[in-house]
Amino acid sequence: ANAWIECEVDEEIDLGTHLMYIGFVTNAGILSDVPSASYTYYHEHIKPRQEEKKEGRKAWRCIICGYIYEGADLPADFICPWCKHPASDFEPIMI
């Protein structure tokens, strides 16, 4: 998440598959200036997955969005720049 919004709920509407809340914003803040994985960002950067090449180098692929981090070791505190998931959501691959 790149931001947060705090609201005072005024109304709750049951839409069948989920609830929609209508409220008054009481507070908000920005957590990061890194681009969010919005619908547009997904189609421009994530959907056309990077091609895997079998050259024998170790890399790490995000199991959520497909982003590939090239390197033998993935830092424990690494955060995916595309979907913002942690290093625990990466799997080792060979490229």
Protein backbone atom coordinates (compact mmCIF):
# COMPACT_ATOMS: atom_id res chain seq x y z
CA ALA A 1 0.00 0.00 0.00
CA ASN A 2 1.32 3.43 -0.92
CA ALA A 3 -1.19 5.40 1.12
CA TRP A 4 -3.81 5.11 3.81
CA ILE A 5 -7.21 6.68 4.33
CA GLU A 6 -9.13 6.86 7.60
CA CYS A 7 -12.90 7.30 7.33
CA GLU A 8 -15.93 7.64 9.53
CA VAL A 9 -18.40 5.15 8.04
CA ASP A 10 -21.75 6.73 7.20
CA GLU A 11 -23.37 3.88 5.28
CA GLU A 12 -22.76 0.19 4.53
CA ILE A 13 -24.27 -1.31 1.35
CA ASP A 14 -24.41 -5.07 0.71
CA LEU A 15 -23.68 -5.63 -2.99
CA GLY A 16 -24.11 -9.40 -2.84
CA THR A 17 -20.48 -10.36 -3.36
CA HIS A 18 -18.97 -7.65 -1.15
CA LEU A 19 -19.79 -4.66 1.01
CA MET A 20 -19.38 -1.06 -0.05
CA TYR A 21 -18.71 1.50 2.65
CA ILE A 22 -19.54 5.18 2.21
CA GLY A 23 -17.86 7.49 4.67
CA PHE A 24 -16.31 10.81 5.48
CA VAL A 25 -12.51 11.04 5.20
CA THR A 26 -11.08 12.07 8.57
CA ASN A 27 -7.37 11.51 7.92
CA ALA A 28 -5.02 10.30 5.17
CA GLY A 29 -1.33 9.89 4.47
CA ILE A 30 1.23 8.83 1.87
CA LEU A 31 3.49 5.89 2.71
CA SER A 32 5.61 5.75 -0.44
CA ASP A 33 6.17 7.62 -3.72
CA VAL A 34 6.91 4.35 -5.55
CA PRO A 35 4.32 3.72 -8.31
CA SER A 36 1.43 1.49 -7.23
CA ALA A 37 0.49 -1.68 -9.08
CA SER A 38 -2.60 0.00 -10.56
CA TYR A 39 -4.64 -1.51 -13.39
CA THR A 40 -2.74 0.61 -15.94
CA TYR A 41 0.65 -0.21 -14.39
CA TYR A 42 -0.23 -3.90 -14.45
CA HIS A 43 -0.98 -3.87 -18.18
CA GLU A 44 2.09 -1.78 -19.04
CA HIS A 45 4.64 -3.59 -16.89
CA ILE A 46 3.42 -6.83 -15.34
CA LYS A 47 1.21 -8.61 -17.88
CA PRO A 48 3.92 -8.81 -20.57
CA ARG A 49 6.05 -11.08 -18.38
CA GLN A 50 9.79 -11.01 -18.74
CA GLU A 51 11.16 -13.83 -20.85
CA GLU A 52 13.22 -16.46 -19.08
CA LYS A 53 16.50 -17.36 -20.75
CA LYS A 54 18.40 -20.48 -19.79
CA GLU A 55 21.95 -19.08 -19.55
CA GLY A 56 22.75 -20.57 -16.15
CA ARG A 57 22.52 -17.40 -14.01
CA LYS A 58 20.48 -17.46 -10.83
CA ALA A 59 17.59 -15.03 -10.44
CA TRP A 60 14.42 -14.67 -8.39
CA ARG A 61 10.85 -14.42 -9.72
CA CYS A 62 7.95 -12.87 -7.81
CA ILE A 63 5.21 -15.51 -7.62
CA ILE A 64 2.59 -12.75 -7.43
CA CYS A 65 3.36 -10.59 -10.48
CA GLY A 66 6.27 -12.25 -12.34
CA TYR A 67 8.91 -9.56 -11.73
CA ILE A 68 12.43 -11.00 -12.07
CA TYR A 69 15.27 -9.90 -9.80
CA GLU A 70 18.63 -10.85 -11.30
CA GLY A 71 21.28 -11.93 -8.82
CA ALA A 72 22.46 -14.94 -6.87
CA ASP A 73 21.11 -13.67 -3.57
CA LEU A 74 17.84 -11.87 -2.94
CA PRO A 75 18.11 -9.42 -0.01
CA ALA A 76 15.85 -10.48 2.89
CA ASP A 77 14.29 -7.00 3.01
CA PHE A 78 13.70 -6.81 -0.76
CA ILE A 79 10.28 -5.44 -1.80
CA CYS A 80 8.98 -6.12 -5.32
CA PRO A 81 8.92 -2.81 -7.23
CA TRP A 82 5.86 -3.91 -9.21
CA CYS A 83 3.45 -5.41 -6.66
CA LYS A 84 5.10 -4.43 -3.35
CA HIS A 85 5.30 -8.02 -2.04
CA PRO A 86 8.22 -9.11 0.21
CA ALA A 87 11.16 -11.39 -0.57
CA SER A 88 9.22 -14.35 0.86
CA ASP A 89 7.03 -14.23 -2.27
CA PHE A 90 9.98 -14.87 -4.62
CA GLU A 91 11.14 -18.20 -6.02
CA PRO A 92 14.62 -19.03 -7.36
CA ILE A 93 14.96 -19.54 -11.12
CA MET A 94 17.78 -19.87 -13.64
CA ILE A 95 18.06 -17.41 -16.52
